[in-house]
Protein backbone atom coordinates (compact mmCIF):
# COMPACT_ATOMS: atom_id res chain seq x y z
CA UNK A 1 0.00 0.00 0.00
CA UNK A 2 1.32 3.46 -0.89
CA UNK A 3 1.57 5.77 2.09
CA UNK A 4 2.18 9.50 2.04
CA UNK A 5 1.86 12.49 4.28
CA UNK A 6 0.01 15.73 3.55
CA UNK A 7 3.18 17.45 2.29
CA UNK A 8 3.81 14.68 -0.25
CA UNK A 9 0.16 14.65 -1.29
CA UNK A 10 0.25 18.40 -1.90
CA UNK A 11 3.51 18.03 -3.84
CA UNK A 12 2.09 15.34 -6.14
CA UNK A 13 -1.19 17.16 -6.73
CA UNK A 14 0.48 20.52 -7.37
CA UNK A 15 3.09 18.97 -9.64
CA UNK A 16 0.27 17.76 -11.88
CA UNK A 17 -0.73 21.41 -12.33
CA UNK A 18 2.85 22.68 -12.70
CA UNK A 19 3.62 23.89 -16.20
CA UNK A 20 7.05 23.52 -17.72
CA UNK A 21 8.90 26.22 -19.56
CA UNK A 22 11.92 25.76 -21.83
CA UNK A 23 15.22 26.29 -20.03
CA UNK A 24 17.53 29.17 -20.83
CA UNK A 25 20.46 26.87 -20.01
CA UNK A 26 20.77 23.61 -18.09
CA UNK A 27 21.35 23.81 -14.34
CA UNK A 28 24.05 21.60 -12.80
CA UNK A 29 23.02 18.42 -11.01
CA UNK A 30 24.24 17.86 -7.46
CA UNK A 31 23.96 14.66 -5.44
CA UNK A 32 23.35 14.48 -1.71
CA UNK A 33 22.01 12.16 0.97
CA UNK A 34 18.76 13.81 2.05
CA UNK A 35 15.93 11.31 2.59
CA UNK A 36 12.20 11.81 2.73
CA UNK A 37 9.65 9.96 4.84
CA UNK A 38 6.16 8.92 3.74
CA UNK A 39 3.66 8.25 6.51
CA UNK A 40 -0.16 8.45 6.18
CA UNK A 41 -2.15 5.99 4.01
CA UNK A 42 -4.00 7.64 1.11
CA UNK A 43 -7.32 6.24 2.34
CA UNK A 44 -6.82 8.07 5.65
CA UNK A 45 -5.71 11.28 3.92
CA UNK A 46 -8.72 11.43 1.60
CA UNK A 47 -12.02 9.95 2.80
CA UNK A 48 -13.29 9.94 -0.79
CA UNK A 49 -12.53 6.73 -2.78
CA UNK A 50 -12.79 8.54 -6.14
CA UNK A 51 -10.33 11.19 -5.01
CA UNK A 52 -8.05 8.51 -3.54
CA UNK A 53 -8.05 6.68 -6.91
CA UNK A 54 -7.06 9.93 -8.63
CA UNK A 55 -4.24 10.48 -6.16
CA UNK A 56 -3.03 6.88 -6.64
CA UNK A 57 -2.96 7.42 -10.41
CA UNK A 58 -1.04 10.70 -9.99
CA UNK A 59 1.47 8.91 -7.76
CA UNK A 60 1.83 6.09 -10.30
CA UNK A 61 2.43 8.62 -13.08
CA UNK A 62 5.05 10.48 -11.02
CA UNK A 63 6.74 7.15 -10.15
CA UNK A 64 7.04 6.33 -13.88
CA UNK A 65 8.20 9.88 -14.68
CA UNK A 66 10.93 9.66 -12.01
CA UNK A 67 12.64 6.92 -14.04
CA UNK A 68 13.03 9.34 -16.97
CA UNK A 69 14.34 12.47 -15.23
CA UNK A 70 17.95 13.22 -16.16
CA UNK A 71 18.15 16.92 -15.26
CA UNK A 72 16.15 19.17 -12.93
CA UNK A 73 16.26 22.87 -13.73
CA UNK A 74 15.23 25.39 -11.06
CA UNK A 75 15.08 29.16 -11.34
CA UNK A 76 16.13 31.22 -9.49
CA UNK A 77 19.17 29.36 -8.22
CA UNK A 78 19.46 31.42 -5.00
CA UNK A 79 16.79 32.61 -2.58
CA UNK A 80 17.06 35.18 0.22
CA UNK A 81 14.74 35.29 3.21
CA UNK A 82 14.82 36.82 6.66
CA UNK A 83 14.38 34.63 9.74
CA UNK A 84 10.63 34.17 10.29
CA UNK A 85 9.71 34.74 6.62
CA UNK A 86 8.26 32.10 4.31
CA UNK A 87 8.14 31.66 0.54
CA UNK A 88 5.61 29.63 -1.46
CA UNK A 89 7.73 27.31 -3.60
CA UNK A 90 5.00 26.57 -6.16
CA UNK A 91 4.48 30.23 -7.07
CA UNK A 92 8.07 31.46 -6.60
CA UNK A 93 10.19 28.87 -8.39
CA UNK A 94 10.26 27.56 -11.94
CA UNK A 95 10.92 23.80 -11.69
CA UNK A 96 11.42 21.76 -14.87
CA UNK A 97 12.53 18.17 -15.41
CA UNK A 98 14.23 17.00 -18.60
CA UNK A 99 15.10 13.55 -19.92
CA UNK A 100 18.43 12.56 -21.47
CA UNK A 101 17.47 14.20 -24.81
CA UNK A 102 16.50 17.46 -23.09
CA UNK A 103 12.75 16.94 -23.57
CA UNK A 104 10.31 17.85 -20.75
CA UNK A 105 9.22 14.92 -18.55
CA UNK A 106 5.43 14.77 -18.21
CA UNK A 107 3.99 14.10 -14.72
CA UNK A 108 7.28 14.99 -12.98
CA UNK A 109 6.70 15.60 -9.26
CA UNK A 110 9.56 17.25 -7.40
CA UNK A 111 10.57 16.06 -3.96
CA UNK A 112 11.90 19.01 -1.97
CA UNK A 113 13.85 19.19 1.26
CA UNK A 114 16.34 21.48 2.97
CA UNK A 115 19.81 20.42 4.00
CA UNK A 116 19.67 22.01 7.47
CA UNK A 117 16.21 21.99 9.05
CA UNK A 118 17.39 24.28 11.84
CA UNK A 119 17.91 27.04 9.24
CA UNK A 120 14.80 26.40 7.11
CA UNK A 121 12.18 23.76 6.35
CA UNK A 122 9.92 22.84 3.45
CA UNK A 123 6.31 22.42 4.65
CA UNK A 124 4.77 21.04 1.46
CA UNK A 125 3.94 24.48 0.12
CA UNK A 126 6.42 26.90 1.68
CA UNK A 127 10.04 27.28 2.59
CA UNK A 128 10.01 28.60 6.15
CA UNK A 129 13.15 30.39 7.39
CA UNK A 130 13.93 29.72 11.06
CA UNK A 131 17.32 31.30 11.76
CA UNK A 132 20.15 32.98 9.87
CA UNK A 133 22.50 30.82 7.84
CA UNK A 134 22.95 29.24 4.44
CA UNK A 135 21.50 25.88 3.42
CA UNK A 136 20.74 24.03 0.25
CA UNK A 137 17.22 23.33 -0.99
CA UNK A 138 17.42 19.89 -2.60
CA UNK A 139 15.10 18.94 -5.46
CA UNK A 140 14.85 15.44 -6.93
CA UNK A 141 12.26 13.34 -8.73
CA UNK A 142 9.62 11.90 -6.36
CA UNK A 143 9.10 8.12 -6.46
CA UNK A 144 7.31 6.09 -3.81
CA UNK A 145 7.78 2.80 -5.69
CA UNK A 146 11.13 1.08 -5.00
CA UNK A 147 10.59 -1.11 -8.12
CA UNK A 148 10.65 2.06 -10.25
CA UNK A 149 13.84 3.58 -8.91
CA UNK A 150 14.26 7.23 -9.72
CA UNK A 151 17.39 8.27 -11.55
CA UNK A 152 19.86 10.04 -9.25
CA UNK A 153 19.17 13.44 -10.83
CA UNK A 154 19.25 16.18 -8.19
CA UNK A 155 19.77 19.87 -8.08
CA UNK A 156 20.39 22.22 -5.19
CA UNK A 157 19.50 25.87 -4.98
CA UNK A 158 20.87 28.03 -2.20
CA UNK A 159 18.75 29.55 0.52
CA UNK A 160 20.34 32.45 2.39
CA UNK A 161 18.52 33.33 5.60
CA UNK A 162 19.41 36.69 7.07
CA UNK A 163 18.64 37.77 10.66
């Protein structure tokens, strides 16, 4: 059974609405060791079986898309916030996934996390700045199916949090 938390559910649903734009130039890929945890069963998250079926299909599509992602392009590549501020990722960043030929990957769902949660956290919608410092915001292709392993394509943008 697929399990996910509200942040992951929001990410998958919003990624389905996310439009891609052609890149000005490819962004570099960076690898790291950030992991993501999935916790609440879909049936408990959505009491509606029709909606749950739609979410399962969106997850299946993003799982298949994750196997095709070669490059993740994010603009801007640096963000600045003050401690206590927040930024909606879905309206503030341009996030595009490309395959090995440079073509857009349909149904790509980004998985987002911060390197240092004491400096800032991703809540599913927003980056929330806690204290001053610099940390990376890691983006990779979301896949909840271990049989459909995502390619190791990652990118990191910098988040500078000022006092």
